[in-house]
């Protein structure tokens, strides 16, 4: 029997540089990964996700609508329809239903950039890459446990950043990490390279990661008492729908350290 295949889709929330660590709103970087079983994604989720978009934002397939959190909130471009309260309510309800009903797993990693650079000084690892290492350890732990294999796709962040991301992924694949040897990764990862795609490619998994990255980051910061209050009503509803989707310890059912990771 062939091993199941999976793909991890990654997007970020927050600033990925060390130049803004003293600004409280830019101190934390979060990356969120969505794990899909490949056959389910291809045969079911992708089609239903496109139907969901078409239902709320009718468009020609030749000019696909790309769901992007910032544009949705701003009601820009095709999302002008959400200025109508009833249409916004319908979209929100459908989206929450989609989050609850579809089959996927979530891993969200948040880093306190200030704490990290204060501790490691000049040797501090790039914050996005440090989060990536933590995420790959959890993803490959999941794959190893279920004797499965998979690859990784991230949203493009620009030429230089994409090249650095590919190099960071390759280092993990070729050398392992402080906590896991290279065999741990090479046994499960089907590709030596991370796949990087732009928003315009209309990748359903990346769009879902984009929509979840910000609320997942804020929920972790709230749980870690790094933010005193969290007033995003819809964001809290999103997190309630996602709460059962987090990667977790199979026997102890523990999410912390498996589906939610805070690097302080």
C-alpha atoms as a PDB file:
ATOM      1  CA  UNK A   1       0.000   0.000   0.000  1.00  0.00           C
ATOM      2  CA  UNK A   2       1.439   3.370  -1.023  1.00  0.00           C
ATOM      3  CA  UNK A   3       2.136   5.936   1.685  1.00  0.00           C
ATOM      4  CA  UNK A   4      -0.282   8.845   1.833  1.00  0.00           C
ATOM      5  CA  UNK A   5       0.969  12.119   0.370  1.00  0.00           C
ATOM      6  CA  UNK A   6       0.469  15.521   1.962  1.00  0.00           C
ATOM      7  CA  UNK A   7       1.340  19.138   1.262  1.00  0.00           C
ATOM      8  CA  UNK A   8       1.979  21.910   3.771  1.00  0.00           C
ATOM      9  CA  UNK A   9       0.925  25.412   2.650  1.00  0.00           C
ATOM     10  CA  UNK A  10       2.583  28.313   4.516  1.00  0.00           C
ATOM     11  CA  UNK A  11       1.877  32.018   4.885  1.00  0.00           C
ATOM     12  CA  UNK A  12       2.975  34.657   7.395  1.00  0.00           C
ATOM     13  CA  UNK A  13       1.515  37.417   9.535  1.00  0.00           C
ATOM     14  CA  UNK A  14       3.713  40.233  10.745  1.00  0.00           C
ATOM     15  CA  UNK A  15       7.065  41.764   9.908  1.00  0.00           C
ATOM     16  CA  UNK A  16       9.918  39.347   9.197  1.00  0.00           C
ATOM     17  CA  UNK A  17      12.835  41.737   9.881  1.00  0.00           C
ATOM     18  CA  UNK A  18      14.689  42.656  13.085  1.00  0.00           C
ATOM     19  CA  UNK A  19      14.517  46.407  12.368  1.00  0.00           C
ATOM     20  CA  UNK A  20      11.155  46.840  14.110  1.00  0.00           C
ATOM     21  CA  UNK A  21      11.425  44.641  17.228  1.00  0.00           C
ATOM     22  CA  UNK A  22      10.850  47.554  19.619  1.00  0.00           C
ATOM     23  CA  UNK A  23       7.471  48.407  18.076  1.00  0.00           C
ATOM     24  CA  UNK A  24       4.905  46.323  19.929  1.00  0.00           C
ATOM     25  CA  UNK A  25       2.676  45.773  16.884  1.00  0.00           C
ATOM     26  CA  UNK A  26       5.662  44.499  14.863  1.00  0.00           C
ATOM     27  CA  UNK A  27       7.486  42.585  17.580  1.00  0.00           C
ATOM     28  CA  UNK A  28       5.914  39.227  16.758  1.00  0.00           C
ATOM     29  CA  UNK A  29       6.024  37.195  13.566  1.00  0.00           C
ATOM     30  CA  UNK A  30       3.683  34.293  12.984  1.00  0.00           C
ATOM     31  CA  UNK A  31       3.713  31.702  10.236  1.00  0.00           C
ATOM     32  CA  UNK A  32       0.789  29.361   9.781  1.00  0.00           C
ATOM     33  CA  UNK A  33       0.850  26.115   7.845  1.00  0.00           C
ATOM     34  CA  UNK A  34      -2.138  24.161   6.531  1.00  0.00           C
ATOM     35  CA  UNK A  35      -1.676  20.431   5.927  1.00  0.00           C
ATOM     36  CA  UNK A  36      -3.816  18.751   3.282  1.00  0.00           C
ATOM     37  CA  UNK A  37      -3.850  15.145   2.155  1.00  0.00           C
ATOM     38  CA  UNK A  38      -3.063  15.473  -1.550  1.00  0.00           C
ATOM     39  CA  UNK A  39      -5.881  13.364  -3.042  1.00  0.00           C
ATOM     40  CA  UNK A  40      -8.489  15.076  -0.862  1.00  0.00           C
ATOM     41  CA  UNK A  41      -7.120  18.490  -1.790  1.00  0.00           C
ATOM     42  CA  UNK A  42      -7.150  17.745  -5.510  1.00  0.00           C
ATOM     43  CA  UNK A  43     -10.458  15.912  -5.710  1.00  0.00           C
ATOM     44  CA  UNK A  44     -12.522  17.765  -3.101  1.00  0.00           C
ATOM     45  CA  UNK A  45     -11.160  20.842  -1.374  1.00  0.00           C
ATOM     46  CA  UNK A  46      -9.845  22.778  -4.375  1.00  0.00           C
ATOM     47  CA  UNK A  47     -13.140  22.401  -6.259  1.00  0.00           C
ATOM     48  CA  UNK A  48     -15.278  23.328  -3.263  1.00  0.00           C
ATOM     49  CA  UNK A  49     -13.059  26.306  -2.435  1.00  0.00           C
ATOM     50  CA  UNK A  50     -13.464  27.639  -5.977  1.00  0.00           C
ATOM     51  CA  UNK A  51     -17.249  27.126  -5.737  1.00  0.00           C
ATOM     52  CA  UNK A  52     -17.245  29.060  -2.460  1.00  0.00           C
ATOM     53  CA  UNK A  53     -15.438  31.998  -4.082  1.00  0.00           C
ATOM     54  CA  UNK A  54     -17.649  31.915  -7.177  1.00  0.00           C
ATOM     55  CA  UNK A  55     -20.773  31.944  -5.001  1.00  0.00           C
ATOM     56  CA  UNK A  56     -19.791  35.148  -3.217  1.00  0.00           C
ATOM     57  CA  UNK A  57     -17.664  36.886  -5.847  1.00  0.00           C
ATOM     58  CA  UNK A  58     -18.924  35.853  -9.333  1.00  0.00           C
ATOM     59  CA  UNK A  59     -16.057  35.988 -11.806  1.00  0.00           C
ATOM     60  CA  UNK A  60     -14.661  34.525 -15.002  1.00  0.00           C
ATOM     61  CA  UNK A  61     -12.403  31.496 -14.434  1.00  0.00           C
ATOM     62  CA  UNK A  62      -9.929  33.266 -16.732  1.00  0.00           C
ATOM     63  CA  UNK A  63      -9.604  36.037 -14.151  1.00  0.00           C
ATOM     64  CA  UNK A  64      -9.746  34.208 -10.804  1.00  0.00           C
ATOM     65  CA  UNK A  65     -10.565  35.946  -7.555  1.00  0.00           C
ATOM     66  CA  UNK A  66      -7.754  35.514  -5.020  1.00  0.00           C
ATOM     67  CA  UNK A  67      -8.833  35.662  -1.387  1.00  0.00           C
ATOM     68  CA  UNK A  68      -6.483  37.960   0.516  1.00  0.00           C
ATOM     69  CA  UNK A  69      -7.227  39.011   4.089  1.00  0.00           C
ATOM     70  CA  UNK A  70      -6.152  42.658   3.792  1.00  0.00           C
ATOM     71  CA  UNK A  71      -8.190  43.220   0.625  1.00  0.00           C
ATOM     72  CA  UNK A  72     -11.205  41.473   2.126  1.00  0.00           C
ATOM     73  CA  UNK A  73     -11.076  43.705   5.200  1.00  0.00           C
ATOM     74  CA  UNK A  74     -10.647  46.807   3.037  1.00  0.00           C
ATOM     75  CA  UNK A  75     -13.454  45.722   0.697  1.00  0.00           C
ATOM     76  CA  UNK A  76     -11.129  46.403  -2.231  1.00  0.00           C
ATOM     77  CA  UNK A  77     -11.412  45.062  -5.792  1.00  0.00           C
ATOM     78  CA  UNK A  78     -13.971  42.256  -6.185  1.00  0.00           C
ATOM     79  CA  UNK A  79     -14.674  42.362  -2.458  1.00  0.00           C
ATOM     80  CA  UNK A  80     -16.772  45.538  -2.751  1.00  0.00           C
ATOM     81  CA  UNK A  81     -19.796  43.266  -2.414  1.00  0.00           C
ATOM     82  CA  UNK A  82     -18.991  42.865   1.275  1.00  0.00           C
ATOM     83  CA  UNK A  83     -19.973  46.506   1.847  1.00  0.00           C
ATOM     84  CA  UNK A  84     -23.518  45.160   1.846  1.00  0.00           C
ATOM     85  CA  UNK A  85     -24.243  43.889   5.377  1.00  0.00           C
ATOM     86  CA  UNK A  86     -26.289  40.888   4.217  1.00  0.00           C
ATOM     87  CA  UNK A  87     -23.650  39.794   1.710  1.00  0.00           C
ATOM     88  CA  UNK A  88     -20.953  40.158   4.375  1.00  0.00           C
ATOM     89  CA  UNK A  89     -22.990  38.041   6.794  1.00  0.00           C
ATOM     90  CA  UNK A  90     -23.527  35.352   4.146  1.00  0.00           C
ATOM     91  CA  UNK A  91     -19.818  35.265   3.263  1.00  0.00           C
ATOM     92  CA  UNK A  92     -18.756  35.091   6.911  1.00  0.00           C
ATOM     93  CA  UNK A  93     -21.159  32.272   7.701  1.00  0.00           C
ATOM     94  CA  UNK A  94     -20.091  30.269   4.652  1.00  0.00           C
ATOM     95  CA  UNK A  95     -16.418  30.769   5.470  1.00  0.00           C
ATOM     96  CA  UNK A  96     -16.847  29.624   9.066  1.00  0.00           C
ATOM     97  CA  UNK A  97     -18.786  26.589   7.834  1.00  0.00           C
ATOM     98  CA  UNK A  98     -15.974  25.790   5.386  1.00  0.00           C
ATOM     99  CA  UNK A  99     -13.389  26.016   8.179  1.00  0.00           C
ATOM    100  CA  UNK A 100     -15.375  23.597  10.334  1.00  0.00           C
ATOM    101  CA  UNK A 101     -16.300  21.038   7.703  1.00  0.00           C
ATOM    102  CA  UNK A 102     -13.180  20.595   5.564  1.00  0.00           C
ATOM    103  CA  UNK A 103     -10.369  18.147   6.379  1.00  0.00           C
ATOM    104  CA  UNK A 104      -7.020  19.774   7.138  1.00  0.00           C
ATOM    105  CA  UNK A 105      -4.547  20.317   9.972  1.00  0.00           C
ATOM    106  CA  UNK A 106      -3.013  23.542  11.228  1.00  0.00           C
ATOM    107  CA  UNK A 107       0.431  24.317  12.629  1.00  0.00           C
ATOM    108  CA  UNK A 108       1.025  27.893  13.769  1.00  0.00           C
ATOM    109  CA  UNK A 109       4.419  29.161  14.976  1.00  0.00           C
ATOM    110  CA  UNK A 110       4.907  32.584  16.568  1.00  0.00           C
ATOM    111  CA  UNK A 111       8.247  34.165  17.475  1.00  0.00           C
ATOM    112  CA  UNK A 112       9.046  37.039  19.817  1.00  0.00           C
ATOM    113  CA  UNK A 113      11.685  38.691  17.639  1.00  0.00           C
ATOM    114  CA  UNK A 114      12.933  40.982  20.402  1.00  0.00           C
ATOM    115  CA  UNK A 115      13.496  38.129  22.858  1.00  0.00           C
ATOM    116  CA  UNK A 116      15.217  36.120  20.136  1.00  0.00           C
ATOM    117  CA  UNK A 117      17.635  38.842  19.045  1.00  0.00           C
ATOM    118  CA  UNK A 118      18.324  39.872  22.662  1.00  0.00           C
ATOM    119  CA  UNK A 119      19.309  36.299  23.449  1.00  0.00           C
ATOM    120  CA  UNK A 120      21.363  35.435  20.366  1.00  0.00           C
ATOM    121  CA  UNK A 121      22.628  38.897  19.322  1.00  0.00           C
ATOM    122  CA  UNK A 122      24.514  38.760  15.988  1.00  0.00           C
ATOM    123  CA  UNK A 123      24.032  34.992  15.678  1.00  0.00           C
ATOM    124  CA  UNK A 124      20.229  35.290  15.790  1.00  0.00           C
ATOM    125  CA  UNK A 125      18.627  33.282  12.999  1.00  0.00           C
ATOM    126  CA  UNK A 126      16.332  35.022  10.492  1.00  0.00           C
ATOM    127  CA  UNK A 127      12.935  35.040  12.290  1.00  0.00           C
ATOM    128  CA  UNK A 128      10.955  33.579   9.374  1.00  0.00           C
ATOM    129  CA  UNK A 129      13.561  30.837   8.892  1.00  0.00           C
ATOM    130  CA  UNK A 130      13.620  30.065  12.620  1.00  0.00           C
ATOM    131  CA  UNK A 131       9.831  29.625  12.531  1.00  0.00           C
ATOM    132  CA  UNK A 132      10.173  27.486   9.398  1.00  0.00           C
ATOM    133  CA  UNK A 133      12.569  25.115  11.174  1.00  0.00           C
ATOM    134  CA  UNK A 134      10.106  24.702  14.052  1.00  0.00           C
ATOM    135  CA  UNK A 135       7.259  24.099  11.603  1.00  0.00           C
ATOM    136  CA  UNK A 136       9.180  21.523   9.549  1.00  0.00           C
ATOM    137  CA  UNK A 137      10.021  19.590  12.728  1.00  0.00           C
ATOM    138  CA  UNK A 138       6.295  19.354  13.574  1.00  0.00           C
ATOM    139  CA  UNK A 139       5.203  18.629  10.015  1.00  0.00           C
ATOM    140  CA  UNK A 140       7.755  15.872   9.539  1.00  0.00           C
ATOM    141  CA  UNK A 141       6.901  14.521  12.995  1.00  0.00           C
ATOM    142  CA  UNK A 142       3.308  14.169  11.806  1.00  0.00           C
ATOM    143  CA  UNK A 143       4.423  12.506   8.561  1.00  0.00           C
ATOM    144  CA  UNK A 144       6.798  10.132  10.355  1.00  0.00           C
ATOM    145  CA  UNK A 145       4.162   9.035  12.851  1.00  0.00           C
ATOM    146  CA  UNK A 146       1.698   8.128  10.106  1.00  0.00           C
ATOM    147  CA  UNK A 147       4.354   6.678   7.789  1.00  0.00           C
ATOM    148  CA  UNK A 148       3.463   9.305   5.184  1.00  0.00           C
ATOM    149  CA  UNK A 149       5.365  11.674   2.909  1.00  0.00           C
ATOM    150  CA  UNK A 150       4.837  15.218   1.758  1.00  0.00           C
ATOM    151  CA  UNK A 151       6.228  18.467   0.434  1.00  0.00           C
ATOM    152  CA  UNK A 152       5.985  22.159   1.286  1.00  0.00           C
ATOM    153  CA  UNK A 153       4.713  25.248  -0.523  1.00  0.00           C
ATOM    154  CA  UNK A 154       5.064  28.834   0.690  1.00  0.00           C
ATOM    155  CA  UNK A 155       3.775  32.120  -0.637  1.00  0.00           C
ATOM    156  CA  UNK A 156       6.352  34.173  -2.508  1.00  0.00           C
ATOM    157  CA  UNK A 157       7.710  37.213  -0.657  1.00  0.00           C
ATOM    158  CA  UNK A 158      10.065  38.531  -3.360  1.00  0.00           C
ATOM    159  CA  UNK A 159      13.220  37.476  -5.196  1.00  0.00           C
ATOM    160  CA  UNK A 160      15.800  37.847  -2.409  1.00  0.00           C
ATOM    161  CA  UNK A 161      13.482  36.576   0.324  1.00  0.00           C
ATOM    162  CA  UNK A 162      12.432  33.575  -1.770  1.00  0.00           C
ATOM    163  CA  UNK A 163      16.063  32.617  -2.424  1.00  0.00           C
ATOM    164  CA  UNK A 164      16.899  32.841   1.276  1.00  0.00           C
ATOM    165  CA  UNK A 165      13.825  30.771   2.135  1.00  0.00           C
ATOM    166  CA  UNK A 166      14.850  28.063  -0.326  1.00  0.00           C
ATOM    167  CA  UNK A 167      18.342  27.995   1.179  1.00  0.00           C
ATOM    168  CA  UNK A 168      16.933  27.717   4.718  1.00  0.00           C
ATOM    169  CA  UNK A 169      14.727  24.799   3.681  1.00  0.00           C
ATOM    170  CA  UNK A 170      17.645  23.082   1.937  1.00  0.00           C
ATOM    171  CA  UNK A 171      19.814  23.369   5.063  1.00  0.00           C
ATOM    172  CA  UNK A 172      17.159  21.535   7.072  1.00  0.00           C
ATOM    173  CA  UNK A 173      16.783  18.858   4.396  1.00  0.00           C
ATOM    174  CA  UNK A 174      20.530  18.313   3.994  1.00  0.00           C
ATOM    175  CA  UNK A 175      21.747  18.726   7.589  1.00  0.00           C
ATOM    176  CA  UNK A 176      18.799  18.349   9.946  1.00  0.00           C
ATOM    177  CA  UNK A 177      18.291  20.609  12.961  1.00  0.00           C
ATOM    178  CA  UNK A 178      19.462  20.878  16.556  1.00  0.00           C
ATOM    179  CA  UNK A 179      16.726  18.439  17.589  1.00  0.00           C
ATOM    180  CA  UNK A 180      16.289  16.176  14.532  1.00  0.00           C
ATOM    181  CA  UNK A 181      18.824  14.516  12.240  1.00  0.00           C
ATOM    182  CA  UNK A 182      18.714  14.702   8.458  1.00  0.00           C
ATOM    183  CA  UNK A 183      17.166  11.208   8.112  1.00  0.00           C
ATOM    184  CA  UNK A 184      14.108  12.455  10.008  1.00  0.00           C
ATOM    185  CA  UNK A 185      13.461  14.983   7.238  1.00  0.00           C
ATOM    186  CA  UNK A 186      14.703  13.059   4.209  1.00  0.00           C
ATOM    187  CA  UNK A 187      12.522  10.052   5.048  1.00  0.00           C
ATOM    188  CA  UNK A 188       9.351  12.144   4.831  1.00  0.00           C
ATOM    189  CA  UNK A 189       9.993  15.131   2.551  1.00  0.00           C
ATOM    190  CA  UNK A 190       9.545  14.192  -1.102  1.00  0.00           C
ATOM    191  CA  UNK A 191      11.373  17.254  -2.431  1.00  0.00           C
ATOM    192  CA  UNK A 192      14.787  18.756  -1.696  1.00  0.00           C
ATOM    193  CA  UNK A 193      13.325  22.183  -2.454  1.00  0.00           C
ATOM    194  CA  UNK A 194      10.461  24.190  -1.042  1.00  0.00           C
ATOM    195  CA  UNK A 195       7.924  25.277  -3.647  1.00  0.00           C
ATOM    196  CA  UNK A 196       7.287  29.028  -3.777  1.00  0.00           C
ATOM    197  CA  UNK A 197       4.259  30.477  -5.565  1.00  0.00           C
ATOM    198  CA  UNK A 198       2.854  34.033  -5.898  1.00  0.00           C
ATOM    199  CA  UNK A 199      -0.662  35.023  -4.836  1.00  0.00           C
ATOM    200  CA  UNK A 200      -1.642  35.307  -8.497  1.00  0.00           C
ATOM    201  CA  UNK A 201      -1.190  31.540  -8.931  1.00  0.00           C
ATOM    202  CA  UNK A 202      -4.583  31.036  -7.250  1.00  0.00           C
ATOM    203  CA  UNK A 203      -3.452  28.279  -4.854  1.00  0.00           C
ATOM    204  CA  UNK A 204      -6.355  27.373  -2.566  1.00  0.00           C
ATOM    205  CA  UNK A 205      -4.097  26.148   0.246  1.00  0.00           C
ATOM    206  CA  UNK A 206      -2.068  29.371   0.269  1.00  0.00           C
ATOM    207  CA  UNK A 207      -5.242  31.464   0.323  1.00  0.00           C
ATOM    208  CA  UNK A 208      -6.511  29.561   3.343  1.00  0.00           C
ATOM    209  CA  UNK A 209      -3.133  30.006   5.061  1.00  0.00           C
ATOM    210  CA  UNK A 210      -3.324  33.746   4.337  1.00  0.00           C
ATOM    211  CA  UNK A 211      -6.775  34.001   5.914  1.00  0.00           C
ATOM    212  CA  UNK A 212      -5.780  32.048   9.039  1.00  0.00           C
ATOM    213  CA  UNK A 213      -2.274  33.413   9.711  1.00  0.00           C
ATOM    214  CA  UNK A 214      -3.329  36.628  11.465  1.00  0.00           C
ATOM    215  CA  UNK A 215      -6.066  35.271  13.771  1.00  0.00           C
ATOM    216  CA  UNK A 216      -3.974  32.197  14.654  1.00  0.00           C
ATOM    217  CA  UNK A 217      -1.034  34.438  15.579  1.00  0.00           C
ATOM    218  CA  UNK A 218      -3.232  36.679  17.739  1.00  0.00           C
ATOM    219  CA  UNK A 219      -4.795  33.726  19.528  1.00  0.00           C
ATOM    220  CA  UNK A 220      -1.354  32.388  20.472  1.00  0.00           C
ATOM    221  CA  UNK A 221      -0.225  35.843  21.642  1.00  0.00           C
ATOM    222  CA  UNK A 222      -3.374  36.151  23.763  1.00  0.00           C
ATOM    223  CA  UNK A 223      -2.845  32.686  25.277  1.00  0.00           C
ATOM    224  CA  UNK A 224       0.784  33.584  26.019  1.00  0.00           C
ATOM    225  CA  UNK A 225      -0.383  36.825  27.672  1.00  0.00           C
ATOM    226  CA  UNK A 226       1.583  38.906  25.165  1.00  0.00           C
ATOM    227  CA  UNK A 227      -1.501  40.931  24.264  1.00  0.00           C
ATOM    228  CA  UNK A 228      -3.923  42.023  26.974  1.00  0.00           C
ATOM    229  CA  UNK A 229      -7.094  41.924  24.922  1.00  0.00           C
ATOM    230  CA  UNK A 230      -8.259  40.698  21.581  1.00  0.00           C
ATOM    231  CA  UNK A 231     -11.238  42.512  20.138  1.00  0.00           C
ATOM    232  CA  UNK A 232     -11.509  40.966  16.671  1.00  0.00           C
ATOM    233  CA  UNK A 233     -14.956  39.397  16.921  1.00  0.00           C
ATOM    234  CA  UNK A 234     -14.748  37.568  13.601  1.00  0.00           C
ATOM    235  CA  UNK A 235     -11.135  36.543  14.273  1.00  0.00           C
ATOM    236  CA  UNK A 236     -12.192  34.820  17.497  1.00  0.00           C
ATOM    237  CA  UNK A 237     -14.960  33.001  15.595  1.00  0.00           C
ATOM    238  CA  UNK A 238     -12.387  31.840  13.029  1.00  0.00           C
ATOM    239  CA  UNK A 239     -10.174  30.483  15.807  1.00  0.00           C
ATOM    240  CA  UNK A 240     -13.108  28.677  17.407  1.00  0.00           C
ATOM    241  CA  UNK A 241     -13.763  26.912  14.096  1.00  0.00           C
ATOM    242  CA  UNK A 242     -10.092  26.005  13.710  1.00  0.00           C
ATOM    243  CA  UNK A 243      -9.561  24.857  17.315  1.00  0.00           C
ATOM    244  CA  UNK A 244     -10.199  21.208  16.483  1.00  0.00           C
ATOM    245  CA  UNK A 245      -7.935  21.277  13.422  1.00  0.00           C
ATOM    246  CA  UNK A 246      -4.595  21.840  15.152  1.00  0.00           C
ATOM    247  CA  UNK A 247      -1.852  19.252  14.919  1.00  0.00           C
ATOM    248  CA  UNK A 248      -1.559  17.547  18.303  1.00  0.00           C
ATOM    249  CA  UNK A 249       0.141  14.802  20.269  1.00  0.00           C
ATOM    250  CA  UNK A 250      -1.683  11.663  19.170  1.00  0.00           C
ATOM    251  CA  UNK A 251      -1.968  10.029  22.601  1.00  0.00           C
ATOM    252  CA  UNK A 252      -2.060  13.010  24.960  1.00  0.00           C
ATOM    253  CA  UNK A 253      -4.156  15.211  22.617  1.00  0.00           C
ATOM    254  CA  UNK A 254      -1.860  18.132  23.449  1.00  0.00           C
ATOM    255  CA  UNK A 255      -1.839  21.061  21.013  1.00  0.00           C
ATOM    256  CA  UNK A 256       0.827  23.226  22.681  1.00  0.00           C
ATOM    257  CA  UNK A 257       4.188  22.412  21.162  1.00  0.00           C
ATOM    258  CA  UNK A 258       2.577  20.500  18.271  1.00  0.00           C
ATOM    259  CA  UNK A 259      -0.061  22.637  16.584  1.00  0.00           C
ATOM    260  CA  UNK A 260       0.699  25.860  18.437  1.00  0.00           C
ATOM    261  CA  UNK A 261       4.322  26.823  19.006  1.00  0.00           C
ATOM    262  CA  UNK A 262       5.558  29.987  20.734  1.00  0.00           C
ATOM    263  CA  UNK A 263       9.237  30.846  20.435  1.00  0.00           C
ATOM    264  CA  UNK A 264       9.893  33.321  23.252  1.00  0.00           C
END
